Protein backbone atom coordinates (compact mmCIF):
# COMPACT_ATOMS: atom_id res chain seq x y z
CA MET A 1 35.57 -21.55 19.56
CA LYS A 2 34.79 -18.84 22.47
CA ARG A 3 38.49 -16.65 22.11
CA TRP A 4 37.18 -16.32 18.82
CA ALA A 5 33.61 -15.10 19.03
CA GLU A 6 35.74 -13.17 21.88
CA HIS A 7 38.68 -11.48 19.50
CA PRO A 8 38.58 -7.41 18.77
CA LEU A 9 37.97 -7.89 15.04
CA VAL A 10 34.95 -9.93 15.81
CA LEU A 11 33.35 -8.18 18.30
CA ARG A 12 34.25 -4.76 16.41
CA ALA A 13 32.64 -6.19 13.11
CA VAL A 14 29.92 -6.97 15.27
CA ARG A 15 29.18 -3.99 16.33
CA MET A 16 29.80 -2.06 13.39
CA VAL A 17 26.51 -4.66 11.89
CA ARG A 18 24.11 -3.91 14.70
CA ARG A 19 25.02 0.20 13.87
CA SER A 20 24.06 -0.86 10.44
CA ILE A 21 20.80 0.63 8.88
CA VAL A 22 20.20 -3.22 7.35
CA TRP A 23 20.55 -4.64 10.92
CA ARG A 24 18.03 -2.16 11.96
CA ILE A 25 15.20 -2.17 9.66
CA VAL A 26 15.32 -6.06 9.91
CA VAL A 27 15.02 -5.98 13.77
CA SER A 28 12.25 -3.35 13.48
CA ALA A 29 10.70 -5.85 11.08
CA ILE A 30 10.67 -8.75 13.75
CA GLU A 31 9.47 -6.65 16.23
CA ILE A 32 6.74 -5.38 14.09
CA ARG A 33 5.53 -9.16 13.19
CA PHE A 34 5.90 -7.99 9.30
CA TYR A 35 4.45 -10.41 7.42
CA ASP A 36 1.19 -11.11 10.29
CA ARG A 37 1.00 -7.39 10.00
CA ALA A 38 0.86 -7.31 6.92
CA LEU A 39 -1.66 -10.35 6.21
CA THR A 40 -4.31 -8.31 8.75
CA LEU A 41 -4.03 -5.31 6.25
CA ALA A 42 -4.64 -7.55 3.21
CA GLY A 43 -7.66 -9.11 4.52
CA GLN A 44 -8.80 -5.49 6.13
CA ALA A 45 -8.36 -3.91 2.87
CA PHE A 46 -10.08 -7.00 1.25
CA ILE A 47 -12.59 -7.01 3.17
CA ALA A 48 -13.41 -2.93 2.99
CA LEU A 49 -12.70 -2.46 -0.39
CA ILE A 50 -14.07 -4.85 -2.58
CA PRO A 51 -17.51 -4.36 -0.85
CA LEU A 52 -17.13 -0.31 -2.04
CA MET A 53 -16.38 -0.67 -4.70
CA ILE A 54 -19.58 -3.27 -5.59
CA VAL A 55 -21.39 -0.57 -4.11
CA LEU A 56 -19.95 2.27 -6.22
CA ALA A 57 -20.45 0.07 -9.46
CA THR A 58 -24.06 -0.23 -8.60
CA LEU A 59 -24.13 3.72 -8.01
CA VAL A 60 -22.16 4.67 -11.42
CA SER A 61 -22.94 4.81 -15.19
CA SER A 62 -23.03 1.79 -16.58
CA SER A 63 -21.15 3.79 -19.67
CA ASP A 64 -17.20 2.11 -20.78
CA SER A 65 -15.93 5.37 -19.35
CA LEU A 66 -16.98 5.27 -15.70
CA ALA A 67 -17.92 1.45 -14.90
CA ILE A 68 -15.38 0.14 -12.45
CA GLY A 69 -15.31 -3.47 -13.92
CA ASP A 70 -14.18 -1.90 -17.22
CA TRP A 71 -11.72 -0.04 -15.90
CA VAL A 72 -10.04 -3.12 -13.73
CA ILE A 73 -10.29 -5.19 -17.53
CA ASP A 74 -8.27 -1.53 -19.00
CA ARG A 75 -5.79 -1.99 -16.26
CA PHE A 76 -4.25 -4.87 -16.36
CA SER A 77 -5.21 -5.43 -19.89
CA LEU A 78 -7.63 -8.67 -19.74
CA THR A 79 -9.49 -10.64 -22.02
CA GLY A 80 -11.96 -13.45 -23.02
CA ALA A 81 -12.81 -15.11 -20.15
CA SER A 82 -11.14 -13.40 -17.33
CA ALA A 83 -12.61 -9.92 -18.38
CA ASP A 84 -15.73 -12.02 -18.23
CA ALA A 85 -15.58 -12.59 -14.90
CA VAL A 86 -14.16 -9.17 -14.01
CA ARG A 87 -17.32 -8.14 -15.44
CA SER A 88 -19.96 -10.19 -13.56
CA LEU A 89 -18.20 -9.33 -10.26
CA PHE A 90 -18.29 -5.77 -10.53
CA GLY A 91 -20.94 -5.15 -13.06
CA ARG A 92 -24.55 -3.58 -12.24
CA PRO A 93 -27.13 -6.04 -11.69
CA PRO A 94 -30.07 -6.07 -14.43
CA ALA A 95 -32.60 -5.33 -11.73
CA GLY A 96 -30.45 -2.58 -9.65
CA SER A 97 -32.10 -0.53 -7.74
CA GLY A 98 -28.56 1.70 -7.06
CA GLY A 99 -30.24 2.73 -3.57
CA LEU A 100 -27.77 1.73 -0.53
CA THR A 101 -29.19 -0.02 2.93
CA PHE A 102 -28.47 1.44 6.24
CA LEU A 103 -26.27 -1.46 6.83
CA SER A 104 -24.01 -1.73 3.72
CA VAL A 105 -23.01 2.03 4.35
CA ILE A 106 -22.51 1.39 8.59
CA THR A 107 -20.15 -1.98 6.87
CA ILE A 108 -18.30 -0.27 4.72
CA LEU A 109 -17.59 2.64 7.54
CA VAL A 110 -16.53 0.53 9.60
CA SER A 111 -14.44 -1.88 7.56
CA ALA A 112 -12.92 1.20 6.21
CA SER A 113 -12.15 2.60 9.50
CA SER A 114 -10.68 -0.07 11.03
CA PHE A 115 -8.39 -0.83 7.96
CA ALA A 116 -7.34 3.34 8.50
CA ARG A 117 -6.53 2.23 11.82
CA SER A 118 -4.69 -0.69 11.34
CA VAL A 119 -2.18 1.66 8.87
CA GLN A 120 -2.16 4.15 11.34
CA ARG A 121 -0.66 1.70 13.88
CA THR A 122 1.74 0.03 11.85
CA TYR A 123 3.14 3.73 11.26
CA GLU A 124 2.74 4.42 14.95
CA ILE A 125 4.95 1.18 16.17
CA ALA A 126 7.20 1.47 13.29
CA TRP A 127 8.17 5.33 15.05
CA HIS A 128 7.79 3.80 18.63
CA LEU A 129 4.69 6.11 19.05
CA PRO A 130 1.98 5.89 21.69
CA ALA A 131 -2.30 6.01 19.66
CA ARG A 132 -3.68 8.56 21.29
CA GLY A 133 -6.55 10.78 21.17
CA LEU A 134 -9.45 11.64 18.73
CA ARG A 135 -7.79 13.67 16.07
CA ARG A 136 -5.11 10.74 15.73
CA THR A 137 -7.85 8.79 14.42
CA ILE A 138 -8.84 11.11 12.15
CA ASN A 139 -5.81 11.73 10.61
CA GLY A 140 -5.52 8.53 10.29
CA ILE A 141 -8.79 7.80 7.87
CA GLU A 142 -7.24 11.24 6.10
CA GLY A 143 -3.26 9.48 5.80
CA ALA A 144 -5.00 5.89 4.69
CA PHE A 145 -7.24 7.34 1.80
CA LEU A 146 -4.37 9.56 0.80
CA LEU A 147 -2.15 6.31 -0.20
CA LEU A 148 -5.07 5.32 -1.57
CA ILE A 149 -5.22 7.69 -3.80
CA ALA A 150 -2.18 7.01 -4.80
CA LEU A 151 -1.96 3.85 -5.35
CA VAL A 152 -4.77 4.37 -7.79
CA LEU A 153 -3.19 8.07 -9.54
CA LEU A 154 -0.16 5.29 -10.17
CA GLY A 155 -2.08 2.56 -11.71
CA TYR A 156 -3.99 5.53 -13.85
CA LEU A 157 -0.23 6.87 -15.28
CA ALA A 158 1.02 3.70 -15.82
CA SER A 159 -2.18 3.16 -18.24
CA LEU A 160 -0.54 6.08 -20.04
CA ALA A 161 2.84 4.84 -20.96
CA ASN A 162 1.80 4.13 -24.22
CA GLU A 163 0.51 7.93 -24.65
CA LEU A 164 3.06 10.19 -22.83
CA PRO A 165 6.23 11.24 -25.04
CA GLY A 166 9.33 9.72 -24.37
CA GLY A 167 7.24 6.30 -23.25
CA LEU A 168 8.44 4.26 -19.86
CA LEU A 169 10.76 6.54 -19.11
CA VAL A 170 8.60 9.33 -18.84
CA THR A 171 6.41 7.54 -17.00
CA VAL A 172 8.37 6.25 -14.61
CA ILE A 173 9.65 9.44 -13.80
CA ALA A 174 6.01 10.81 -13.59
CA GLN A 175 4.90 8.32 -11.35
CA THR A 176 8.18 8.93 -8.76
CA CYS A 177 7.00 12.70 -8.52
CA ALA A 178 3.70 11.78 -8.00
CA ALA A 179 3.48 9.21 -5.36
CA VAL A 180 6.66 11.19 -3.23
CA PRO A 181 4.11 14.16 -2.15
CA GLY A 182 1.48 10.91 -1.65
CA TRP A 183 3.67 8.89 0.45
CA TRP A 184 4.99 12.03 2.60
CA LEU A 185 1.84 13.84 3.72
CA ALA A 186 -0.05 10.39 4.33
CA SER A 187 3.07 9.12 6.64
CA ARG A 188 2.68 12.94 8.10
CA LEU A 189 -1.14 12.14 8.78
CA LEU A 190 -0.60 8.94 9.98
CA LEU A 191 1.47 9.38 12.59
CA SER A 192 -0.59 12.52 13.12
CA GLY A 193 2.34 15.29 12.70
CA ARG A 194 4.42 14.10 15.57
CA VAL A 195 7.54 13.10 13.47
CA SER A 196 8.99 16.40 11.39
CA TRP A 197 8.74 16.59 7.91
CA ARG A 198 12.58 16.43 7.00
CA LEU A 199 12.67 12.89 8.85
CA LEU A 200 9.73 11.54 7.04
CA PHE A 201 11.50 12.38 3.65
CA PRO A 202 13.57 9.87 3.14
CA GLY A 203 11.06 7.63 3.72
CA ALA A 204 8.55 8.82 1.90
CA VAL A 205 11.43 8.65 -1.67
CA VAL A 206 11.88 5.01 -1.18
CA SER A 207 8.08 4.24 -0.46
CA ALA A 208 7.52 6.21 -3.72
CA VAL A 209 10.32 4.56 -5.40
CA ALA A 210 9.08 0.97 -4.34
CA GLN A 211 5.44 1.85 -5.19
CA VAL A 212 6.47 2.20 -8.56
CA ALA A 213 8.54 -0.73 -8.69
CA VAL A 214 5.61 -2.67 -7.19
CA THR A 215 3.39 -1.37 -9.78
CA SER A 216 5.19 -1.74 -12.79
CA ALA A 217 5.25 -5.45 -12.19
CA GLY A 218 1.93 -5.42 -10.87
CA ALA A 219 1.10 -4.71 -14.73
CA VAL A 220 2.73 -7.73 -15.83
CA TYR A 221 1.72 -10.46 -12.64
CA VAL A 222 -1.69 -9.77 -11.97
CA PRO A 223 -3.69 -9.86 -15.24
CA HIS A 224 -1.68 -13.86 -15.77
CA LEU A 225 -2.91 -14.31 -11.65
CA ILE A 226 -6.29 -13.50 -12.77
CA GLU A 227 -6.27 -15.39 -15.71
CA ARG A 228 -5.15 -18.04 -14.24
CA ASN A 229 -7.55 -18.25 -10.88
CA THR A 230 -10.34 -17.24 -13.17
CA GLU A 231 -10.13 -20.97 -15.40
CA ARG A 232 -10.02 -22.54 -12.01
CA TYR A 233 -12.30 -21.00 -10.33
CA GLY A 234 -14.45 -18.87 -12.10
CA VAL A 235 -15.86 -15.29 -10.45
CA ILE A 236 -14.32 -16.24 -7.21
CA GLY A 237 -11.25 -16.51 -8.85
CA VAL A 238 -10.85 -12.79 -9.08
CA ALA A 239 -11.70 -12.28 -5.64
CA ILE A 240 -8.53 -14.74 -5.07
CA ALA A 241 -6.04 -13.33 -7.44
CA LEU A 242 -7.70 -9.81 -5.80
CA ILE A 243 -6.56 -10.67 -1.85
CA SER A 244 -3.03 -12.21 -2.97
CA TRP A 245 -2.08 -8.66 -4.89
CA LEU A 246 -3.67 -6.95 -1.51
CA VAL A 247 -1.23 -9.27 0.41
CA VAL A 248 1.91 -7.30 -1.86
CA LEU A 249 0.12 -4.53 -1.55
CA ALA A 250 0.19 -4.87 2.08
CA LEU A 251 4.15 -5.49 2.09
CA LEU A 252 4.34 -2.73 0.71
CA VAL A 253 2.80 -0.31 3.11
CA VAL A 254 4.02 -2.49 6.60
CA ALA A 255 7.96 -2.18 4.61
CA SER A 256 7.43 1.39 4.14
CA ALA A 257 6.39 2.09 7.29
CA VAL A 258 9.43 0.39 9.08
CA VAL A 259 12.36 1.63 6.25
CA GLY A 260 10.93 4.83 6.60
CA ALA A 261 11.03 4.87 10.54
CA GLN A 262 14.89 3.57 10.16
CA LEU A 263 16.01 5.79 7.90
CA GLY A 264 14.52 8.53 9.58
CA ALA A 265 16.04 7.55 12.99
CA ALA A 266 19.58 7.51 11.30
CA LEU A 267 19.05 11.06 10.44
CA ALA A 268 18.00 12.55 13.20
CA GLU A 269 20.75 10.66 14.86
CA HIS A 270 23.08 12.12 11.85
CA ASP A 271 22.10 15.58 13.14
CA GLU A 272 22.22 14.86 16.96
CA ARG A 273 25.94 14.84 16.25
CA ARG A 274 26.73 17.37 13.95
CA THR A 275 24.35 19.85 16.67
CA GLY A 276 26.42 18.19 19.47
C-alpha cells in the first residue's frame, strides 16, 4: 500500500488535485466553516430583516401597490390560507399608529449592523484579510445593503417574466446583467477596496449566475414551502418558511465569498506567471 501511494503517477495526480480550483474551494469552505457561517448569517438576517419589514408595513400605505405583505404574495403567487397568513404577519394593525419607538429603532439598527459585519467578515476571511478601521465598518454596511438591493431587484425582474418581450430568456439575461455590477461593487465595498476590481470580477460573474439560478428555483420552491408550513403552523409557518429560505440565500452568500476569493487568487497567480 505504501509503495502504491508513493508511485510517481499517484503523487503527480495528488499534486494536480491539490492545485485544482475545485480542491482549493473545498479547502477554503472547510476553513471558513461553510455551513455554520451560513446558519449564523441566516439567523442574523431573520432577526434584522423581519422586524424591519414589519415596521415598514406599519409605515407605508395600506394600498395594494405599497403593502409589503401584498408584495410578498404577488412575488410568490400565494393564494388562500398562505396569502392570508402573510397578510396577518405583515399587515398593519387596525389601531396601529405607525410610530416608531426609540427601542425599536435601536434594535433594528443594531441587528442590521451585526448582520452587515458578519457578511463583511465572511468575505475578509475568504480573502485572508484582517478586520480593521471604522471606514471598514461603514463599507461593510454599504456592501451588505447593496446585496439586499440586488436580491430584491432580481426578485422584481423575475416577476416581470411574463411581461417582457422574449419571456423567460430575456428575464434571465436582464437579471444576470443587473446582478453582476451589484455583486462586483458589493464585493469591493465589503473588502474595503483592498482587492482590485480585476480580481473581483470572476467571482461577481459566478455569484450573479448563481443568484439568478437560486432566485428562479425560489420562485417554484418557496410558495410550496409557505403553503405547507402555513397548513401545519398557521401564521408562524410563514416565519419558518422565510428562515428556511434565508438559509439558502446565506449559503449563496458564503459560497460566493469562497468561490470568488479562490477565482481571484487563481487569476492573481496567472498574472504573476505572465509577468514573472
